[in-house]
Structure formats: structure tokens, C-alpha cells
Amino acid sequence: MVEKLRYGLVGTGMMGVEHIHNIKLLPDAEIVAIADPEATSIEWARAALGDAGQDVAVHADAASLVAGGGIDAVVVASPNFTHRAVLEPLLASNVAILCEKPLCTTMADARWVVEQAAARGAPFWTGMEYRFMPPAAAFIDAIHAGQVGALHMLSIREHRFPFLVKVRDWNRFSAKTGGTMVEKCCHFFDLMRLITQSEPVRVYCSGAMDVNHVDERYDGARPDIIDNSFTTVDFANGTRAMLDLCMFAEGAEHQEEMSATGDKGRLDVLIPPGDLVWSPRVPWPGPKAVERRHVAVDETALAAGSHHGSTYYQHAAFARAVRGEGDVLVTAHDGLMAVAIGTAAEISAREHRAVEMAEVLG
């Protein structure tokens, strides 16, 4: 492997620019090529690259980028619905790939990616930043170390701002995003599998588009993306997990809260501020024995993106995998399973019924 990793980037919009800022923090790494059909997005990338942006090769698409050679790894941050088309020439090459979530917008495309990734030697990594938030990682490690005892209940809450404006408003329609439960919530469904160390059996989701985008029209079409929902997932080992999503809660103190409850007590993580709160079981009525500790995040990593430093930590792990110094921590199969749970949730919300995972997975 070359001493300096040479990166290509496909998709230089908002998330693509975040990847640029974080790759720049890596030692012995450089971005040598970018691709995006939108001139405005290319200019955003040049601005983020600074002086180095003048020497970066610019391409119209992924096929041209990979054909140009001289690249060790490619980051795919293009719109969801383009992922399969973008990945086709990349998977046919020997470059390492980090593909942003969701892996694809349909199960058929996600299965195809899994098959192609399994047939090649170079690393394929699904971008799931939330695993790598230091407070979330500490929360997961504590659960796996047995702090809560036998895990029975997992609760995740994200109360946040609405979907941001994207190029050509592609994120307003389920046909191009896979639906909110795939587009946004695949992160949390991935965390559920990781934390429970089990596979989903059935999904029930109650959700709707009640507040956001209701008055918007694009070429006469009304957006159809869920802006609030409750989702329950039953896992094969008996653990139950729940996601509480609200995308019109900009004023919430904590954007994400996760709680894991077992037979020894409950562990919470609050993001921000990055605190872990341990509440062991005590004889009723007390006194309680709550303990709180803060998990620090590197300030430079925090400033390089909007995902609580996780984009940097994920890139550091990905770079180790590309160099052969570490494992791929989020596989194509992990990406497929997150899409599968999200797809089941979308079906459940539309049809008002529980959905067996076997129906989605086949």
C-alpha cells in the first residue's frame, strides 16, 4: 500500500464536503479526484479543499473518476437513489469503497451490492457514522461488557430539525430516498442490531407526515416523507428496541438519547452533551445511586462536521482497513440489514400492520 492514501469522492454536496473536512484531518491522506454533475457542488468541494482544490482532478461521474486511476479509496456521498449506478464502475475496480448510508433505496439494489462486494478483495464499508460517535461507542461498549446485565429493552430517541434542502430537492420524495425510515433511520436500525447482537424478527411502525413539507410542491407533486414516528423492533434473542423520531423538534435539548435497560439497571447516553448516565437497580424506594460521566470528543473532529465527531473517527477506522491494519467494521451486509428494517418500517407505517422481516428479506 502506498504511504499516502489517495482518495476520490463522488458527490460533493453537503455530506461530501463533510467528508472532505474529515479526510483532511487524517495523516498521510489526500483527496486527488472529485466527481459531481452539479457545478455548484464542485465549487463547494474546491472551497473546502482550499489551496489543494486547484490540483484536484474533476470528473462528471464515478466511471470517469475510477478510470482516471491513481486512487486507493473512493467515498460515495451522492444522492441515495444514485448509489447503485455510482457503485457499478467502482465495484468493478480494485479501489476500497466507503458508501454513505443508506446503502441503496431498494432491497434489490442492496442485495446486488452485497453480492458484488463479497466477490472482490478490496474493502467495502457502509457509512454508518453514528456507531463512531465517542459517547455512543462508549455506551455500546458498556452494554457489551455487561454493565446493564442481560439487555431486554433498548430505546432510541431522535428529536431534531426537518430535512435540509438538497440539490434538486431529491430528499423530499420516498422514491428517491427510500423513505424517511430508510434515509434517516437506517443509522438507528444499524445501532439496534449492533447493540442487541441479534437479528430483527418483526417491525411495527406508526408514522406520518404531519408538520413538515405539507405545503410544499415540486412540479405539482407533494412530498411524501414521514416526519414523526414510533417504531418497535422485535429481535430474535427476545430484546425489544424502540425508535422515537420527531423532525419538528428543533428546540429539544438533546438531539439523540439512547437508553439500554437490563436486569442490573439502565444506561443512558445523551448527545449532545455526550454524557453517560448509569442508573443501577436499588431496593425500592431508594436511595438512588445514579452516576454520570462525560465522554470527551476531540474539538477538531467536532468542528469538522455535524455528526458529533463521528465522521472523523469512522474515517480513521476506514483508513486502517484500507491499509490492511484493521477490519471492515460496517459491511455491505450491515448496510443491507439497515435498509431492510427501514423498508419494513415504511411498509408498516403505510399499511398499519406489523411486518415480519421474512417478508422483506425473502
Protein backbone atom coordinates (compact mmCIF):
# COMPACT_ATOMS: atom_id res chain seq x y z
CA MET A 1 0.00 0.00 0.00
CA VAL A 2 1.25 3.49 -0.82
CA GLU A 3 2.39 5.63 2.08
CA LYS A 4 -0.21 8.32 1.38
CA LEU A 5 -3.79 7.18 0.75
CA ARG A 6 -5.25 8.80 -2.34
CA TYR A 7 -9.00 9.41 -2.13
CA GLY A 8 -11.65 10.03 -4.73
CA LEU A 9 -15.01 11.50 -3.77
CA VAL A 10 -18.26 11.01 -5.69
CA GLY A 11 -20.89 13.51 -4.57
CA THR A 12 -19.65 16.84 -3.27
CA GLY A 13 -22.79 18.27 -1.72
CA MET A 14 -23.31 18.85 2.00
CA MET A 15 -22.19 15.40 3.17
CA GLY A 16 -19.44 15.23 0.60
CA VAL A 17 -17.98 18.45 1.97
CA GLU A 18 -18.10 17.00 5.49
CA HIS A 19 -16.08 14.04 4.23
CA ILE A 20 -13.54 16.44 2.72
CA HIS A 21 -13.04 18.27 6.02
CA ASN A 22 -12.50 14.98 7.85
CA ILE A 23 -10.22 13.33 5.31
CA LYS A 24 -8.04 16.46 5.54
CA LEU A 25 -7.54 15.65 9.24
CA LEU A 26 -6.13 12.20 8.51
CA PRO A 27 -2.35 11.83 8.45
CA ASP A 28 -0.95 10.54 5.16
CA ALA A 29 -4.15 11.05 3.18
CA GLU A 30 -5.11 13.33 0.30
CA ILE A 31 -8.08 13.88 -2.00
CA VAL A 32 -6.91 13.65 -5.61
CA ALA A 33 -10.19 13.46 -7.55
CA ILE A 34 -13.81 14.51 -7.17
CA ALA A 35 -16.93 13.87 -9.23
CA ASP A 36 -20.31 15.58 -9.31
CA PRO A 37 -22.53 16.67 -12.20
CA GLU A 38 -23.51 19.87 -10.36
CA ALA A 39 -21.15 22.82 -10.86
CA THR A 40 -22.23 24.41 -7.59
CA SER A 41 -21.34 21.26 -5.65
CA ILE A 42 -17.92 21.14 -7.31
CA GLU A 43 -17.29 24.70 -6.18
CA TRP A 44 -18.29 23.77 -2.62
CA ALA A 45 -15.70 20.99 -2.75
CA ARG A 46 -12.99 23.29 -4.09
CA ALA A 47 -13.69 25.76 -1.30
CA ALA A 48 -13.47 23.00 1.33
CA LEU A 49 -10.21 21.72 -0.17
CA GLY A 50 -8.62 25.17 -0.07
CA ASP A 51 -5.37 25.59 -1.99
CA ALA A 52 -5.26 21.85 -2.73
CA GLY A 53 -8.54 22.15 -4.64
CA GLN A 54 -6.82 23.66 -7.64
CA ASP A 55 -4.83 20.46 -8.24
CA VAL A 56 -7.71 18.00 -7.79
CA ALA A 57 -8.99 16.20 -10.89
CA VAL A 58 -12.67 16.94 -11.58
CA HIS A 59 -14.92 14.35 -13.21
CA ALA A 60 -18.56 14.24 -14.23
CA ASP A 61 -19.22 10.76 -12.87
CA ALA A 62 -17.82 7.77 -10.97
CA ALA A 63 -16.86 5.84 -14.10
CA SER A 64 -14.63 8.67 -15.30
CA LEU A 65 -13.15 9.13 -11.83
CA VAL A 66 -12.12 5.49 -11.39
CA ALA A 67 -10.92 5.20 -14.99
CA GLY A 68 -8.51 8.04 -14.30
CA GLY A 69 -6.54 5.78 -11.96
CA GLY A 70 -4.23 6.83 -9.15
CA ILE A 71 -6.86 6.26 -6.44
CA ASP A 72 -6.73 3.93 -3.45
CA ALA A 73 -10.17 4.62 -1.96
CA VAL A 74 -13.43 6.24 -3.04
CA VAL A 75 -16.10 7.81 -0.82
CA VAL A 76 -19.63 7.75 -2.26
CA ALA A 77 -21.76 10.63 -0.97
CA SER A 78 -24.10 11.08 -3.92
CA PRO A 79 -27.91 11.14 -3.54
CA ASN A 80 -29.41 7.87 -2.27
CA PHE A 81 -31.13 6.91 -5.49
CA THR A 82 -27.85 7.12 -7.45
CA HIS A 83 -25.88 4.69 -5.28
CA ARG A 84 -26.22 1.58 -7.44
CA ALA A 85 -25.30 3.41 -10.64
CA VAL A 86 -22.35 5.08 -8.91
CA LEU A 87 -21.17 1.82 -7.37
CA GLU A 88 -21.26 -0.25 -10.57
CA PRO A 89 -17.96 1.03 -12.03
CA LEU A 90 -16.37 1.28 -8.58
CA LEU A 91 -17.19 -2.32 -7.63
CA ALA A 92 -15.69 -3.45 -10.94
CA SER A 93 -12.39 -1.86 -9.90
CA ASN A 94 -9.95 -2.69 -7.09
CA VAL A 95 -10.41 0.52 -5.09
CA ALA A 96 -11.60 0.48 -1.49
CA ILE A 97 -15.10 1.94 -1.12
CA LEU A 98 -16.89 3.79 1.66
CA CYS A 99 -20.53 4.22 0.62
CA GLU A 100 -22.71 6.59 2.61
CA LYS A 101 -25.93 5.37 4.17
CA PRO A 102 -28.38 4.17 3.14
CA LEU A 103 -26.58 1.55 1.10
CA CYS A 104 -29.36 1.73 -1.52
CA THR A 105 -33.02 2.74 -1.67
CA THR A 106 -34.37 -0.70 -2.61
CA MET A 107 -33.76 -4.20 -1.32
CA ALA A 108 -32.97 -5.45 -4.82
CA ASP A 109 -30.18 -2.92 -5.28
CA ALA A 110 -28.84 -3.51 -1.76
CA ARG A 111 -28.70 -7.28 -2.38
CA TRP A 112 -26.83 -6.65 -5.63
CA VAL A 113 -24.23 -4.54 -3.82
CA VAL A 114 -23.75 -7.22 -1.16
CA GLU A 115 -23.17 -9.86 -3.84
CA GLN A 116 -20.68 -7.70 -5.73
CA ALA A 117 -18.82 -6.66 -2.59
CA ALA A 118 -18.44 -10.29 -1.49
CA ALA A 119 -16.79 -11.18 -4.81
CA ARG A 120 -13.94 -8.66 -4.57
CA GLY A 121 -10.83 -8.33 -2.44
CA ALA A 122 -10.81 -4.61 -1.73
CA PRO A 123 -12.66 -3.33 1.37
CA PHE A 124 -16.28 -2.23 1.12
CA TRP A 125 -17.55 -0.13 4.04
CA THR A 126 -21.09 1.17 4.60
CA GLY A 127 -21.02 4.66 6.10
CA MET A 128 -22.77 4.48 9.49
CA GLU A 129 -21.32 7.44 11.37
CA TYR A 130 -23.46 7.07 14.48
CA ARG A 131 -21.53 3.94 15.55
CA PHE A 132 -18.45 6.11 15.85
CA MET A 133 -19.70 8.99 17.99
CA PRO A 134 -17.42 8.60 21.04
CA PRO A 135 -20.31 8.80 23.56
CA ALA A 136 -22.35 6.28 21.54
CA ALA A 137 -19.31 4.00 21.20
CA ALA A 138 -18.75 4.13 24.96
CA PHE A 139 -22.44 3.35 25.52
CA ILE A 140 -22.23 0.31 23.23
CA ASP A 141 -19.00 -0.93 24.81
CA ALA A 142 -20.51 -0.71 28.30
CA ILE A 143 -23.58 -2.72 27.26
CA HIS A 144 -21.44 -5.40 25.61
CA ALA A 145 -19.26 -5.51 28.73
CA GLY A 146 -22.34 -6.43 30.77
CA GLN A 147 -22.95 -3.21 32.72
CA VAL A 148 -26.75 -3.40 32.38
CA GLY A 149 -26.77 -7.19 32.74
CA ALA A 150 -28.99 -9.08 30.35
CA LEU A 151 -30.32 -6.46 27.92
CA HIS A 152 -34.09 -6.51 27.50
CA MET A 153 -35.11 -3.02 26.33
CA LEU A 154 -33.37 -0.55 24.01
CA SER A 155 -34.85 2.89 23.39
CA ILE A 156 -33.53 5.44 20.90
CA ARG A 157 -34.93 8.95 20.54
CA GLU A 158 -34.00 11.47 17.86
CA HIS A 159 -35.81 14.79 18.13
CA ARG A 160 -34.34 17.20 15.63
CA PHE A 161 -34.82 19.67 12.79
CA PRO A 162 -36.51 18.90 9.43
CA PHE A 163 -34.72 17.52 6.41
CA LEU A 164 -32.43 20.15 4.93
CA VAL A 165 -32.69 21.44 1.36
CA LYS A 166 -30.69 19.30 -1.09
CA VAL A 167 -29.81 19.72 -4.76
CA ARG A 168 -32.98 19.48 -6.87
CA ASP A 169 -34.94 18.67 -3.71
CA TRP A 170 -34.35 14.93 -4.15
CA ASN A 171 -34.80 14.25 -0.43
CA ARG A 172 -38.47 15.27 -0.43
CA PHE A 173 -39.71 12.03 -2.02
CA SER A 174 -39.62 8.42 -0.87
CA ALA A 175 -38.92 7.23 -4.41
CA LYS A 176 -35.50 8.86 -4.23
CA THR A 177 -34.70 8.37 -0.54
CA GLY A 178 -36.24 5.01 0.26
CA GLY A 179 -38.47 6.90 2.69
CA THR A 180 -37.55 8.55 5.98
CA MET A 181 -37.34 5.22 7.79
CA VAL A 182 -34.64 4.15 5.35
CA GLU A 183 -32.96 7.51 4.66
CA LYS A 184 -32.73 8.82 8.20
CA CYS A 185 -33.43 5.91 10.47
CA CYS A 186 -31.11 3.31 8.95
CA HIS A 187 -28.48 4.71 11.35
CA PHE A 188 -30.58 3.73 14.33
CA PHE A 189 -31.66 0.35 12.98
CA ASP A 190 -27.97 -0.38 12.43
CA LEU A 191 -27.29 0.58 16.05
CA MET A 192 -30.09 -1.71 17.22
CA ARG A 193 -28.51 -4.73 15.52
CA LEU A 194 -25.07 -3.79 16.81
CA ILE A 195 -26.22 -3.25 20.40
CA THR A 196 -28.56 -6.24 20.70
CA GLN A 197 -26.16 -8.53 18.83
CA SER A 198 -29.22 -10.15 17.30
CA GLU A 199 -31.28 -10.07 14.12
CA PRO A 200 -34.72 -8.44 13.70
CA VAL A 201 -37.81 -10.63 13.52
CA ARG A 202 -40.68 -8.17 13.09
CA VAL A 203 -41.25 -4.41 12.86
CA TYR A 204 -44.19 -2.20 13.72
CA CYS A 205 -44.09 1.48 12.78
CA SER A 206 -46.73 4.16 13.29
CA GLY A 207 -45.72 7.32 11.44
CA ALA A 208 -46.91 10.12 9.18
CA MET A 209 -46.01 13.44 7.57
CA ASP A 210 -47.91 15.79 9.87
CA VAL A 211 -45.99 19.09 10.02
CA ASN A 212 -43.04 19.41 7.65
CA HIS A 213 -43.29 19.91 3.87
CA VAL A 214 -47.11 19.69 3.83
CA ASP A 215 -47.44 22.92 1.85
CA GLU A 216 -44.50 22.26 -0.49
CA ARG A 217 -45.00 21.27 -4.12
CA TYR A 218 -42.36 20.23 -6.65
CA ASP A 219 -43.60 20.16 -10.25
CA GLY A 220 -47.04 19.79 -8.73
CA ALA A 221 -46.08 16.79 -6.59
CA ARG A 222 -46.49 16.81 -2.80
CA PRO A 223 -43.64 15.41 -0.67
CA ASP A 224 -44.39 12.06 0.95
CA ILE A 225 -41.72 11.62 3.64
CA ILE A 226 -42.55 10.74 7.25
CA ASP A 227 -41.66 13.47 9.77
CA ASN A 228 -42.56 11.64 13.01
CA SER A 229 -42.90 8.02 14.02
CA PHE A 230 -42.70 5.36 16.70
CA THR A 231 -41.07 2.10 15.60
CA THR A 232 -40.78 -1.12 17.59
CA VAL A 233 -38.44 -3.91 16.51
CA ASP A 234 -38.55 -7.42 18.00
CA PHE A 235 -35.21 -9.25 17.90
CA ALA A 236 -34.55 -12.97 17.73
CA ASN A 237 -32.93 -13.06 21.18
CA GLY A 238 -36.03 -11.55 22.81
CA THR A 239 -34.74 -7.99 23.09
CA ARG A 240 -37.16 -5.25 22.11
CA ALA A 241 -35.99 -1.97 20.63
CA MET A 242 -37.91 1.24 20.02
CA LEU A 243 -37.19 4.35 17.94
CA ASP A 244 -38.95 7.64 18.69
CA LEU A 245 -38.39 10.05 15.77
CA CYS A 246 -39.57 13.65 15.51
CA MET A 247 -38.29 16.00 12.82
CA PHE A 248 -40.06 19.13 14.04
CA ALA A 249 -38.39 19.29 17.45
CA GLU A 250 -35.61 21.79 16.80
CA GLY A 251 -35.85 23.09 20.36
CA ALA A 252 -35.07 19.76 22.07
CA GLU A 253 -32.11 19.93 24.43
CA HIS A 254 -30.67 16.61 23.24
CA GLN A 255 -30.88 15.61 19.60
CA GLU A 256 -30.26 11.93 20.42
CA GLU A 257 -30.94 9.96 23.57
CA MET A 258 -30.41 6.22 23.92
CA SER A 259 -31.39 4.03 26.87
CA ALA A 260 -30.47 0.39 27.46
CA THR A 261 -32.23 -1.41 30.31
CA GLY A 262 -31.28 -4.81 31.64
CA ASP A 263 -31.69 -6.80 34.82
CA LYS A 264 -28.87 -4.84 36.52
CA GLY A 265 -30.01 -1.32 35.66
CA ARG A 266 -30.33 1.32 32.95
CA LEU A 267 -27.64 3.14 30.98
CA ASP A 268 -28.41 6.33 29.05
CA VAL A 269 -26.34 8.37 26.61
CA LEU A 270 -27.19 11.98 25.77
CA ILE A 271 -25.89 13.57 22.55
CA PRO A 272 -25.03 16.34 22.95
CA PRO A 273 -23.65 16.89 25.62
CA GLY A 274 -22.01 13.47 25.44
CA ASP A 275 -22.87 12.19 28.92
CA LEU A 276 -23.40 8.61 30.04
CA VAL A 277 -25.88 8.20 32.90
CA TRP A 278 -25.83 4.93 34.85
CA SER A 279 -28.86 4.09 37.00
CA PRO A 280 -28.31 0.76 38.78
CA ARG A 281 -31.24 -1.06 40.31
CA VAL A 282 -31.69 -0.28 44.01
CA PRO A 283 -34.12 -1.53 46.64
CA TRP A 284 -37.36 0.43 46.33
CA PRO A 285 -37.82 3.25 47.29
CA GLY A 286 -34.12 4.10 47.22
CA PRO A 287 -31.95 5.96 47.68
CA LYS A 288 -30.96 6.04 44.01
CA ALA A 289 -27.31 5.63 43.02
CA VAL A 290 -27.12 7.45 39.69
CA GLU A 291 -23.66 8.06 38.25
CA ARG A 292 -22.83 10.42 35.38
CA ARG A 293 -19.67 10.70 33.30
CA HIS A 294 -18.73 12.77 30.31
CA VAL A 295 -17.19 11.29 27.16
CA ALA A 296 -14.89 13.81 25.53
CA VAL A 297 -14.70 14.33 21.77
CA ASP A 298 -11.72 15.88 20.03
CA GLU A 299 -12.57 19.52 19.37
CA THR A 300 -11.07 19.44 15.88
CA ALA A 301 -13.22 16.42 14.99
CA LEU A 302 -16.30 18.15 16.40
CA ALA A 303 -15.64 21.20 14.24
CA ALA A 304 -15.16 19.13 11.06
CA GLY A 305 -18.78 18.07 10.71
CA SER A 306 -22.28 17.89 12.12
CA HIS A 307 -22.20 14.32 13.46
CA HIS A 308 -20.59 14.84 16.88
CA GLY A 309 -17.12 13.99 15.63
CA SER A 310 -18.14 10.60 14.30
CA THR A 311 -17.22 11.24 10.66
CA TYR A 312 -13.57 11.66 11.62
CA TYR A 313 -13.45 8.56 13.82
CA GLN A 314 -15.12 6.49 11.11
CA HIS A 315 -12.63 7.72 8.53
CA ALA A 316 -9.72 6.84 10.81
CA ALA A 317 -11.09 3.28 11.12
CA PHE A 318 -11.77 3.04 7.38
CA ALA A 319 -8.22 4.17 6.59
CA ARG A 320 -6.86 1.41 8.84
CA ALA A 321 -8.96 -1.13 6.93
CA VAL A 322 -7.74 0.20 3.58
CA ARG A 323 -4.13 -0.14 4.77
CA GLY A 324 -4.75 -3.68 5.99
CA GLU A 325 -4.25 -2.62 9.61
CA GLY A 326 -7.84 -3.20 10.77
CA ASP A 327 -11.10 -4.90 9.91
CA VAL A 328 -14.05 -3.54 7.96
CA LEU A 329 -16.38 -2.63 10.83
CA VAL A 330 -19.56 -1.90 8.83
CA THR A 331 -20.04 -4.33 5.98
CA ALA A 332 -22.28 -4.24 2.92
CA HIS A 333 -24.46 -6.82 4.71
CA ASP A 334 -24.81 -4.43 7.66
CA GLY A 335 -25.94 -1.80 5.19
CA LEU A 336 -28.47 -4.17 3.64
CA MET A 337 -29.95 -5.11 7.03
CA ALA A 338 -30.40 -1.44 7.98
CA VAL A 339 -32.23 -0.86 4.69
CA ALA A 340 -34.33 -3.98 5.33
CA ILE A 341 -35.54 -2.79 8.74
CA GLY A 342 -36.26 0.65 7.33
CA THR A 343 -38.17 -0.87 4.42
CA ALA A 344 -40.24 -2.96 6.84
CA ALA A 345 -40.97 0.19 8.86
CA GLU A 346 -42.10 2.07 5.73
CA ILE A 347 -44.46 -0.77 4.80
CA SER A 348 -45.77 -0.95 8.36
CA ALA A 349 -46.46 2.80 8.53
CA ARG A 350 -48.30 2.79 5.20
CA GLU A 351 -50.31 -0.38 5.77
CA HIS A 352 -50.86 -0.05 9.54
CA ARG A 353 -49.66 -3.53 10.39
CA ALA A 354 -46.73 -5.41 11.84
CA VAL A 355 -44.30 -6.62 9.20
CA GLU A 356 -42.35 -9.86 9.55
CA MET A 357 -38.74 -9.44 8.44
CA ALA A 358 -39.03 -12.63 6.41
CA GLU A 359 -41.45 -10.73 4.16
CA VAL A 360 -38.75 -8.18 3.34
CA LEU A 361 -35.72 -10.43 3.33
CA GLY A 362 -37.33 -13.26 1.37
